Amino acid sequence: MTAPVVLSASGLVKRYGRVTALDGADFELRAGEILAVIGDNGAGKSSLIKCLSGAIIADAGQMMLGGQPVHFKRPIDARHRGIETVYQDLAVAPGMTIAENLFLGRELRRPGWPGRLLRLLDKKEMLAQSVARMADLKVGIRSMTQAVETLSGGQRQCVAVARAAAFARHVVILDEPTAALGVKESDMVLALIRQVRDRGLSVVLISHNMPHVFGIADRIHVARLGRRAAVLDPRRISMSDTVAVMTGALSPCELPDDCLA
């Protein structure tokens, strides 16, 4: 049985002057899946993801979330609708603790007048929730009170992903989460992404690392020339054929039907 569609887009167009980044792009994300988005430089995948996350506004086209039309004018609009995004720069504060980073921009206030009038933070509650959330995602970091700058690159990425998973209600978008990481740290992040998916959230993974894509994705969205070229089943197509579709060396029409997802 095919899972219901959580987030979709049809006919998205985005132009930057004379450059057309999206030329009628379509997109479809199903419930509880990891959808990898791949494409050459200039294929439009970054513009697509920015439209879905509210970072840019499409010139034309429609987006649907949970079957309802949505129009995001800024990233906070997408966040309010349960879509969280982790960009390559992570947007973590190195000098702050892990717990403080998890609640960055969404700090909890103390109950009653101390929080309402004095705007005092409830650091004890944020720490307790941070411990619980990281344990739930099986992130092996001992103390939530250590500064993020003391963590390895993989651990920092895990903090950013865990923050997104903690507040997302529907979708987590990850932009190159394993870029510049070693093998061990990449495995740590990929394991966390699977945990996020297993908790019922849908994950969009933008990546150039084909072994990682084939190791974790349920489906592969191939972007080419500002459009969706194909959606492939990684269990039924080879990595070389996927790259050929991505570069235009192989037409999706030439693939067996069972390769398409």
C-alpha atoms as a PDB file:
ATOM      1  CA  MET A   1       0.000   0.000   0.000  1.00  0.00           C
ATOM      2  CA  THR A   2       1.389   3.402  -1.007  1.00  0.00           C
ATOM      3  CA  ALA A   3       1.843   5.849   1.868  1.00  0.00           C
ATOM      4  CA  PRO A   4      -0.120   9.124   1.684  1.00  0.00           C
ATOM      5  CA  VAL A   5       1.586  12.235   0.332  1.00  0.00           C
ATOM      6  CA  VAL A   6       2.671  14.661   3.052  1.00  0.00           C
ATOM      7  CA  LEU A   7       4.260  17.471   1.040  1.00  0.00           C
ATOM      8  CA  SER A   8       3.959  18.081  -2.677  1.00  0.00           C
ATOM      9  CA  ALA A   9       4.568  20.744  -5.294  1.00  0.00           C
ATOM     10  CA  SER A  10       3.443  21.100  -8.881  1.00  0.00           C
ATOM     11  CA  GLY A  11       4.636  23.383 -11.636  1.00  0.00           C
ATOM     12  CA  LEU A  12       7.050  25.423  -9.513  1.00  0.00           C
ATOM     13  CA  VAL A  13       8.784  28.202 -11.419  1.00  0.00           C
ATOM     14  CA  LYS A  14      11.578  30.376 -10.083  1.00  0.00           C
ATOM     15  CA  ARG A  15      13.539  32.872 -12.140  1.00  0.00           C
ATOM     16  CA  TYR A  16      16.512  35.018 -11.210  1.00  0.00           C
ATOM     17  CA  GLY A  17      16.564  37.622 -13.954  1.00  0.00           C
ATOM     18  CA  ARG A  18      17.194  35.718 -17.168  1.00  0.00           C
ATOM     19  CA  VAL A  19      18.168  32.546 -15.349  1.00  0.00           C
ATOM     20  CA  THR A  20      15.385  29.993 -14.804  1.00  0.00           C
ATOM     21  CA  ALA A  21      16.228  27.873 -11.751  1.00  0.00           C
ATOM     22  CA  LEU A  22      12.906  26.012 -11.643  1.00  0.00           C
ATOM     23  CA  ASP A  23      11.011  25.368 -14.855  1.00  0.00           C
ATOM     24  CA  GLY A  24       7.752  23.705 -13.839  1.00  0.00           C
ATOM     25  CA  ALA A  25       9.238  21.466 -11.141  1.00  0.00           C
ATOM     26  CA  ASP A  26       7.128  18.808  -9.430  1.00  0.00           C
ATOM     27  CA  PHE A  27       7.778  17.184  -6.069  1.00  0.00           C
ATOM     28  CA  GLU A  28       6.141  14.533  -3.907  1.00  0.00           C
ATOM     29  CA  LEU A  29       7.090  13.384  -0.401  1.00  0.00           C
ATOM     30  CA  ARG A  30       5.281  10.476   1.213  1.00  0.00           C
ATOM     31  CA  ALA A  31       4.610   9.844   4.875  1.00  0.00           C
ATOM     32  CA  GLY A  32       7.393   8.143   6.828  1.00  0.00           C
ATOM     33  CA  GLU A  33       9.964   8.001   4.032  1.00  0.00           C
ATOM     34  CA  ILE A  34      13.458   9.268   3.330  1.00  0.00           C
ATOM     35  CA  LEU A  35      13.389  10.924  -0.078  1.00  0.00           C
ATOM     36  CA  ALA A  36      16.815  11.754  -1.489  1.00  0.00           C
ATOM     37  CA  VAL A  37      17.052  14.710  -3.864  1.00  0.00           C
ATOM     38  CA  ILE A  38      19.987  14.567  -6.262  1.00  0.00           C
ATOM     39  CA  GLY A  39      21.079  16.560  -9.291  1.00  0.00           C
ATOM     40  CA  ASP A  40      24.021  18.242 -10.969  1.00  0.00           C
ATOM     41  CA  ASN A  41      24.952  21.821 -10.138  1.00  0.00           C
ATOM     42  CA  GLY A  42      22.282  24.069 -11.640  1.00  0.00           C
ATOM     43  CA  ALA A  43      19.661  21.314 -11.705  1.00  0.00           C
ATOM     44  CA  GLY A  44      17.379  23.348  -9.456  1.00  0.00           C
ATOM     45  CA  LYS A  45      17.451  21.195  -6.359  1.00  0.00           C
ATOM     46  CA  SER A  46      18.567  24.020  -4.045  1.00  0.00           C
ATOM     47  CA  SER A  47      15.854  26.363  -5.333  1.00  0.00           C
ATOM     48  CA  LEU A  48      13.281  23.591  -4.966  1.00  0.00           C
ATOM     49  CA  ILE A  49      14.223  22.961  -1.348  1.00  0.00           C
ATOM     50  CA  LYS A  50      14.261  26.682  -0.572  1.00  0.00           C
ATOM     51  CA  CYS A  51      10.720  26.985  -1.916  1.00  0.00           C
ATOM     52  CA  LEU A  52       9.566  24.056   0.193  1.00  0.00           C
ATOM     53  CA  SER A  53      11.198  25.519   3.322  1.00  0.00           C
ATOM     54  CA  GLY A  54      10.007  29.089   2.778  1.00  0.00           C
ATOM     55  CA  ALA A  55      13.467  30.545   2.120  1.00  0.00           C
ATOM     56  CA  ILE A  56      12.366  31.807  -1.305  1.00  0.00           C
ATOM     57  CA  ILE A  57       8.974  32.356  -2.940  1.00  0.00           C
ATOM     58  CA  ALA A  58       8.219  30.641  -6.241  1.00  0.00           C
ATOM     59  CA  ASP A  59       7.092  32.815  -9.149  1.00  0.00           C
ATOM     60  CA  ALA A  60       4.455  30.246 -10.096  1.00  0.00           C
ATOM     61  CA  GLY A  61       3.163  26.828  -9.081  1.00  0.00           C
ATOM     62  CA  GLN A  62       1.454  25.366  -6.051  1.00  0.00           C
ATOM     63  CA  MET A  63       2.536  23.566  -2.883  1.00  0.00           C
ATOM     64  CA  MET A  64       0.392  21.272  -0.757  1.00  0.00           C
ATOM     65  CA  LEU A  65       0.952  20.161   2.839  1.00  0.00           C
ATOM     66  CA  GLY A  66      -1.285  17.423   4.164  1.00  0.00           C
ATOM     67  CA  GLY A  67      -3.580  17.897   1.180  1.00  0.00           C
ATOM     68  CA  GLN A  68      -4.057  21.613   1.831  1.00  0.00           C
ATOM     69  CA  PRO A  69      -2.579  24.446  -0.278  1.00  0.00           C
ATOM     70  CA  VAL A  70       0.204  26.377   1.454  1.00  0.00           C
ATOM     71  CA  HIS A  71       2.106  29.525   0.566  1.00  0.00           C
ATOM     72  CA  PHE A  72       5.242  30.227   2.569  1.00  0.00           C
ATOM     73  CA  LYS A  73       6.548  33.791   2.488  1.00  0.00           C
ATOM     74  CA  ARG A  74       9.416  33.156   4.912  1.00  0.00           C
ATOM     75  CA  PRO A  75      11.048  30.201   6.741  1.00  0.00           C
ATOM     76  CA  ILE A  76       9.093  30.833   9.946  1.00  0.00           C
ATOM     77  CA  ASP A  77       5.876  30.113   8.008  1.00  0.00           C
ATOM     78  CA  ALA A  78       7.150  26.641   7.126  1.00  0.00           C
ATOM     79  CA  ARG A  79       8.279  26.069  10.713  1.00  0.00           C
ATOM     80  CA  HIS A  80       4.840  26.985  12.012  1.00  0.00           C
ATOM     81  CA  ARG A  81       3.398  24.333   9.702  1.00  0.00           C
ATOM     82  CA  GLY A  82       5.751  21.637  11.017  1.00  0.00           C
ATOM     83  CA  ILE A  83       8.580  21.746   8.446  1.00  0.00           C
ATOM     84  CA  GLU A  84      12.111  22.030   9.841  1.00  0.00           C
ATOM     85  CA  THR A  85      15.254  22.551   7.755  1.00  0.00           C
ATOM     86  CA  VAL A  86      18.926  21.935   8.552  1.00  0.00           C
ATOM     87  CA  TYR A  87      21.277  23.756   6.180  1.00  0.00           C
ATOM     88  CA  GLN A  88      24.938  22.983   5.588  1.00  0.00           C
ATOM     89  CA  ASP A  89      26.099  25.734   7.948  1.00  0.00           C
ATOM     90  CA  LEU A  90      24.047  24.055  10.738  1.00  0.00           C
ATOM     91  CA  ALA A  91      23.144  27.395  12.414  1.00  0.00           C
ATOM     92  CA  VAL A  92      24.390  26.234  15.809  1.00  0.00           C
ATOM     93  CA  ALA A  93      25.880  28.552  18.416  1.00  0.00           C
ATOM     94  CA  PRO A  94      29.312  27.054  19.258  1.00  0.00           C
ATOM     95  CA  GLY A  95      29.692  28.806  22.612  1.00  0.00           C
ATOM     96  CA  MET A  96      26.296  27.658  23.918  1.00  0.00           C
ATOM     97  CA  THR A  97      25.476  24.282  25.460  1.00  0.00           C
ATOM     98  CA  ILE A  98      23.743  21.468  23.611  1.00  0.00           C
ATOM     99  CA  ALA A  99      20.544  22.062  25.566  1.00  0.00           C
ATOM    100  CA  GLU A 100      20.629  25.785  24.776  1.00  0.00           C
ATOM    101  CA  ASN A 101      21.158  25.006  21.091  1.00  0.00           C
ATOM    102  CA  LEU A 102      18.246  22.580  20.984  1.00  0.00           C
ATOM    103  CA  PHE A 103      15.920  25.348  22.193  1.00  0.00           C
ATOM    104  CA  LEU A 104      17.659  28.185  20.337  1.00  0.00           C
ATOM    105  CA  GLY A 105      14.986  30.693  19.342  1.00  0.00           C
ATOM    106  CA  ARG A 106      12.315  28.652  21.150  1.00  0.00           C
ATOM    107  CA  GLU A 107      13.447  29.015  24.744  1.00  0.00           C
ATOM    108  CA  LEU A 108      11.073  27.975  27.514  1.00  0.00           C
ATOM    109  CA  ARG A 109      10.092  30.557  30.128  1.00  0.00           C
ATOM    110  CA  ARG A 110       9.617  29.822  33.795  1.00  0.00           C
ATOM    111  CA  PRO A 111       5.992  29.304  34.799  1.00  0.00           C
ATOM    112  CA  GLY A 112       4.058  32.129  36.422  1.00  0.00           C
ATOM    113  CA  TRP A 113       5.202  35.706  36.872  1.00  0.00           C
ATOM    114  CA  PRO A 114       8.985  35.010  36.734  1.00  0.00           C
ATOM    115  CA  GLY A 115       8.622  33.929  33.128  1.00  0.00           C
ATOM    116  CA  ARG A 116       5.816  36.292  32.183  1.00  0.00           C
ATOM    117  CA  LEU A 117       7.126  39.511  33.732  1.00  0.00           C
ATOM    118  CA  LEU A 118      10.849  38.928  34.235  1.00  0.00           C
ATOM    119  CA  ARG A 119      11.156  36.668  31.173  1.00  0.00           C
ATOM    120  CA  LEU A 120      13.391  34.250  33.059  1.00  0.00           C
ATOM    121  CA  LEU A 121      14.319  31.067  31.221  1.00  0.00           C
ATOM    122  CA  ASP A 122      13.386  27.644  32.535  1.00  0.00           C
ATOM    123  CA  LYS A 123      16.848  26.131  32.080  1.00  0.00           C
ATOM    124  CA  LYS A 124      16.037  23.106  34.234  1.00  0.00           C
ATOM    125  CA  GLU A 125      13.078  22.095  32.047  1.00  0.00           C
ATOM    126  CA  MET A 126      15.005  22.693  28.821  1.00  0.00           C
ATOM    127  CA  LEU A 127      17.833  20.518  30.102  1.00  0.00           C
ATOM    128  CA  ALA A 128      15.438  17.736  31.100  1.00  0.00           C
ATOM    129  CA  GLN A 129      13.689  17.812  27.718  1.00  0.00           C
ATOM    130  CA  SER A 130      17.033  17.862  25.896  1.00  0.00           C
ATOM    131  CA  VAL A 131      18.209  14.752  27.715  1.00  0.00           C
ATOM    132  CA  ALA A 132      14.936  12.974  26.932  1.00  0.00           C
ATOM    133  CA  ARG A 133      14.904  13.948  23.260  1.00  0.00           C
ATOM    134  CA  MET A 134      18.509  12.994  22.605  1.00  0.00           C
ATOM    135  CA  ALA A 135      17.975   9.690  24.387  1.00  0.00           C
ATOM    136  CA  ASP A 136      14.849   9.055  22.312  1.00  0.00           C
ATOM    137  CA  LEU A 137      16.873   9.544  19.137  1.00  0.00           C
ATOM    138  CA  LYS A 138      19.704   7.409  20.537  1.00  0.00           C
ATOM    139  CA  VAL A 139      22.290  10.177  20.180  1.00  0.00           C
ATOM    140  CA  GLY A 140      25.299   9.114  22.229  1.00  0.00           C
ATOM    141  CA  ILE A 141      26.378  12.416  23.762  1.00  0.00           C
ATOM    142  CA  ARG A 142      27.036  12.199  27.480  1.00  0.00           C
ATOM    143  CA  SER A 143      26.236  15.683  28.733  1.00  0.00           C
ATOM    144  CA  MET A 144      23.745  18.235  27.458  1.00  0.00           C
ATOM    145  CA  THR A 145      25.591  20.975  29.369  1.00  0.00           C
ATOM    146  CA  GLN A 146      28.790  20.862  27.321  1.00  0.00           C
ATOM    147  CA  ALA A 147      29.408  23.559  24.733  1.00  0.00           C
ATOM    148  CA  VAL A 148      28.748  22.646  21.110  1.00  0.00           C
ATOM    149  CA  GLU A 149      32.246  23.858  20.189  1.00  0.00           C
ATOM    150  CA  THR A 150      33.667  20.892  22.143  1.00  0.00           C
ATOM    151  CA  LEU A 151      31.868  18.385  19.894  1.00  0.00           C
ATOM    152  CA  SER A 152      33.126  16.672  16.765  1.00  0.00           C
ATOM    153  CA  GLY A 153      31.722  17.631  13.369  1.00  0.00           C
ATOM    154  CA  GLY A 154      29.427  14.607  13.348  1.00  0.00           C
ATOM    155  CA  GLN A 155      28.147  15.336  16.842  1.00  0.00           C
ATOM    156  CA  ARG A 156      27.414  18.952  15.903  1.00  0.00           C
ATOM    157  CA  GLN A 157      25.467  17.734  12.897  1.00  0.00           C
ATOM    158  CA  CYS A 158      23.531  15.372  15.168  1.00  0.00           C
ATOM    159  CA  VAL A 159      22.613  18.287  17.445  1.00  0.00           C
ATOM    160  CA  ALA A 160      21.277  20.246  14.458  1.00  0.00           C
ATOM    161  CA  VAL A 161      19.309  17.258  13.155  1.00  0.00           C
ATOM    162  CA  ALA A 162      17.968  16.430  16.617  1.00  0.00           C
ATOM    163  CA  ARG A 163      16.799  20.035  17.055  1.00  0.00           C
ATOM    164  CA  ALA A 164      14.902  19.839  13.775  1.00  0.00           C
ATOM    165  CA  ALA A 165      13.376  16.468  14.671  1.00  0.00           C
ATOM    166  CA  ALA A 166      12.317  17.709  18.105  1.00  0.00           C
ATOM    167  CA  PHE A 167      10.128  20.467  16.683  1.00  0.00           C
ATOM    168  CA  ALA A 168       9.065  19.101  13.282  1.00  0.00           C
ATOM    169  CA  ARG A 169       5.538  17.763  13.028  1.00  0.00           C
ATOM    170  CA  HIS A 170       5.628  16.617   9.425  1.00  0.00           C
ATOM    171  CA  VAL A 171       8.900  17.087   7.527  1.00  0.00           C
ATOM    172  CA  VAL A 172      12.631  17.411   8.184  1.00  0.00           C
ATOM    173  CA  ILE A 173      14.737  18.779   5.296  1.00  0.00           C
ATOM    174  CA  LEU A 174      18.484  18.071   5.440  1.00  0.00           C
ATOM    175  CA  ASP A 175      20.924  19.838   3.124  1.00  0.00           C
ATOM    176  CA  GLU A 176      24.126  17.800   2.647  1.00  0.00           C
ATOM    177  CA  PRO A 177      24.212  16.559   6.268  1.00  0.00           C
ATOM    178  CA  THR A 178      27.305  14.367   5.759  1.00  0.00           C
ATOM    179  CA  ALA A 179      29.377  16.843   3.740  1.00  0.00           C
ATOM    180  CA  ALA A 180      32.975  17.142   5.012  1.00  0.00           C
ATOM    181  CA  LEU A 181      32.464  14.357   7.583  1.00  0.00           C
ATOM    182  CA  GLY A 182      34.587  11.251   7.957  1.00  0.00           C
ATOM    183  CA  VAL A 183      33.248   7.716   7.570  1.00  0.00           C
ATOM    184  CA  LYS A 184      32.527   7.148  11.276  1.00  0.00           C
ATOM    185  CA  GLU A 185      30.873  10.532  11.749  1.00  0.00           C
ATOM    186  CA  SER A 186      28.831  10.101   8.567  1.00  0.00           C
ATOM    187  CA  ASP A 187      27.564   6.745   9.832  1.00  0.00           C
ATOM    188  CA  MET A 188      26.523   8.449  13.079  1.00  0.00           C
ATOM    189  CA  VAL A 189      24.491  11.061  11.202  1.00  0.00           C
ATOM    190  CA  LEU A 190      22.924   8.517   8.844  1.00  0.00           C
ATOM    191  CA  ALA A 191      21.866   6.378  11.818  1.00  0.00           C
ATOM    192  CA  LEU A 192      20.207   9.443  13.352  1.00  0.00           C
ATOM    193  CA  ILE A 193      18.367  10.171  10.094  1.00  0.00           C
ATOM    194  CA  ARG A 194      16.963   6.641  10.162  1.00  0.00           C
ATOM    195  CA  GLN A 195      15.834   7.214  13.756  1.00  0.00           C
ATOM    196  CA  VAL A 196      14.050  10.392  12.671  1.00  0.00           C
ATOM    197  CA  ARG A 197      12.268   8.469   9.897  1.00  0.00           C
ATOM    198  CA  ASP A 198      11.381   5.629  12.245  1.00  0.00           C
ATOM    199  CA  ARG A 199       9.709   8.117  14.598  1.00  0.00           C
ATOM    200  CA  GLY A 200       7.206   8.820  11.832  1.00  0.00           C
ATOM    201  CA  LEU A 201       8.629  11.974  10.274  1.00  0.00           C
ATOM    202  CA  SER A 202       9.233  12.344   6.549  1.00  0.00           C
ATOM    203  CA  VAL A 203      12.794  13.277   5.596  1.00  0.00           C
ATOM    204  CA  VAL A 204      14.079  15.101   2.522  1.00  0.00           C
ATOM    205  CA  LEU A 205      17.804  14.447   2.056  1.00  0.00           C
ATOM    206  CA  ILE A 206      19.798  16.576  -0.371  1.00  0.00           C
ATOM    207  CA  SER A 207      23.105  14.861  -1.067  1.00  0.00           C
ATOM    208  CA  HIS A 208      25.868  14.417  -3.629  1.00  0.00           C
ATOM    209  CA  ASN A 209      27.133  11.285  -1.883  1.00  0.00           C
ATOM    210  CA  MET A 210      25.644   8.444  -3.905  1.00  0.00           C
ATOM    211  CA  PRO A 211      26.679   5.607  -1.539  1.00  0.00           C
ATOM    212  CA  HIS A 212      24.908   7.447   1.288  1.00  0.00           C
ATOM    213  CA  VAL A 213      21.856   8.029  -0.905  1.00  0.00           C
ATOM    214  CA  PHE A 214      21.639   4.358  -1.843  1.00  0.00           C
ATOM    215  CA  GLY A 215      22.285   3.284   1.734  1.00  0.00           C
ATOM    216  CA  ILE A 216      19.469   5.271   3.307  1.00  0.00           C
ATOM    217  CA  ALA A 217      16.884   6.530   0.792  1.00  0.00           C
ATOM    218  CA  ASP A 218      13.506   4.921   0.206  1.00  0.00           C
ATOM    219  CA  ARG A 219      13.134   6.814  -3.082  1.00  0.00           C
ATOM    220  CA  ILE A 220      15.361   9.106  -5.156  1.00  0.00           C
ATOM    221  CA  HIS A 221      14.103  12.334  -6.718  1.00  0.00           C
ATOM    222  CA  VAL A 222      16.305  13.260  -9.684  1.00  0.00           C
ATOM    223  CA  ALA A 223      16.358  16.966 -10.549  1.00  0.00           C
ATOM    224  CA  ARG A 224      17.551  18.044 -13.986  1.00  0.00           C
ATOM    225  CA  LEU A 225      17.341  21.378 -15.813  1.00  0.00           C
ATOM    226  CA  GLY A 226      14.902  22.826 -13.315  1.00  0.00           C
ATOM    227  CA  ARG A 227      12.462  19.931 -13.432  1.00  0.00           C
ATOM    228  CA  ARG A 228      11.878  16.510 -11.910  1.00  0.00           C
ATOM    229  CA  ALA A 229      13.495  14.078 -14.332  1.00  0.00           C
ATOM    230  CA  ALA A 230      12.443  10.919 -12.500  1.00  0.00           C
ATOM    231  CA  VAL A 231      11.746   9.310  -9.138  1.00  0.00           C
ATOM    232  CA  LEU A 232      13.735   6.107  -8.794  1.00  0.00           C
ATOM    233  CA  ASP A 233      13.635   3.032  -6.574  1.00  0.00           C
ATOM    234  CA  PRO A 234      17.189   2.540  -5.199  1.00  0.00           C
ATOM    235  CA  ARG A 235      16.494  -1.158  -4.652  1.00  0.00           C
ATOM    236  CA  ARG A 236      15.856  -1.742  -8.356  1.00  0.00           C
ATOM    237  CA  ILE A 237      18.283   0.532 -10.165  1.00  0.00           C
ATOM    238  CA  SER A 238      22.062   0.660 -10.188  1.00  0.00           C
ATOM    239  CA  MET A 239      24.077   3.618  -8.985  1.00  0.00           C
ATOM    240  CA  SER A 240      25.618   4.063 -12.440  1.00  0.00           C
ATOM    241  CA  ASP A 241      22.199   4.204 -14.143  1.00  0.00           C
ATOM    242  CA  THR A 242      21.010   6.713 -11.559  1.00  0.00           C
ATOM    243  CA  VAL A 243      23.984   8.956 -12.302  1.00  0.00           C
ATOM    244  CA  ALA A 244      23.284   8.541 -16.031  1.00  0.00           C
ATOM    245  CA  VAL A 245      19.697   9.740 -15.543  1.00  0.00           C
ATOM    246  CA  MET A 246      20.952  12.643 -13.441  1.00  0.00           C
ATOM    247  CA  THR A 247      23.425  13.777 -16.119  1.00  0.00           C
ATOM    248  CA  GLY A 248      21.086  13.182 -19.045  1.00  0.00           C
ATOM    249  CA  ALA A 249      23.104  10.318 -20.497  1.00  0.00           C
ATOM    250  CA  LEU A 250      20.136   7.995 -19.957  1.00  0.00           C
ATOM    251  CA  SER A 251      16.475   8.848 -20.435  1.00  0.00           C
ATOM    252  CA  PRO A 252      14.002   7.646 -17.782  1.00  0.00           C
ATOM    253  CA  CYS A 253      11.948   6.267 -20.693  1.00  0.00           C
ATOM    254  CA  GLU A 254      14.724   3.754 -21.314  1.00  0.00           C
ATOM    255  CA  LEU A 255      14.478   2.296 -17.811  1.00  0.00           C
ATOM    256  CA  PRO A 256      12.371  -0.725 -16.860  1.00  0.00           C
ATOM    257  CA  ASP A 257       9.094   0.276 -15.212  1.00  0.00           C
ATOM    258  CA  ASP A 258      10.059  -1.301 -11.898  1.00  0.00           C
ATOM    259  CA  CYS A 259      12.980   1.144 -11.565  1.00  0.00           C
ATOM    260  CA  LEU A 260      10.559   4.049 -11.278  1.00  0.00           C
ATOM    261  CA  ALA A 261       9.044   4.759  -7.856  1.00  0.00           C
END
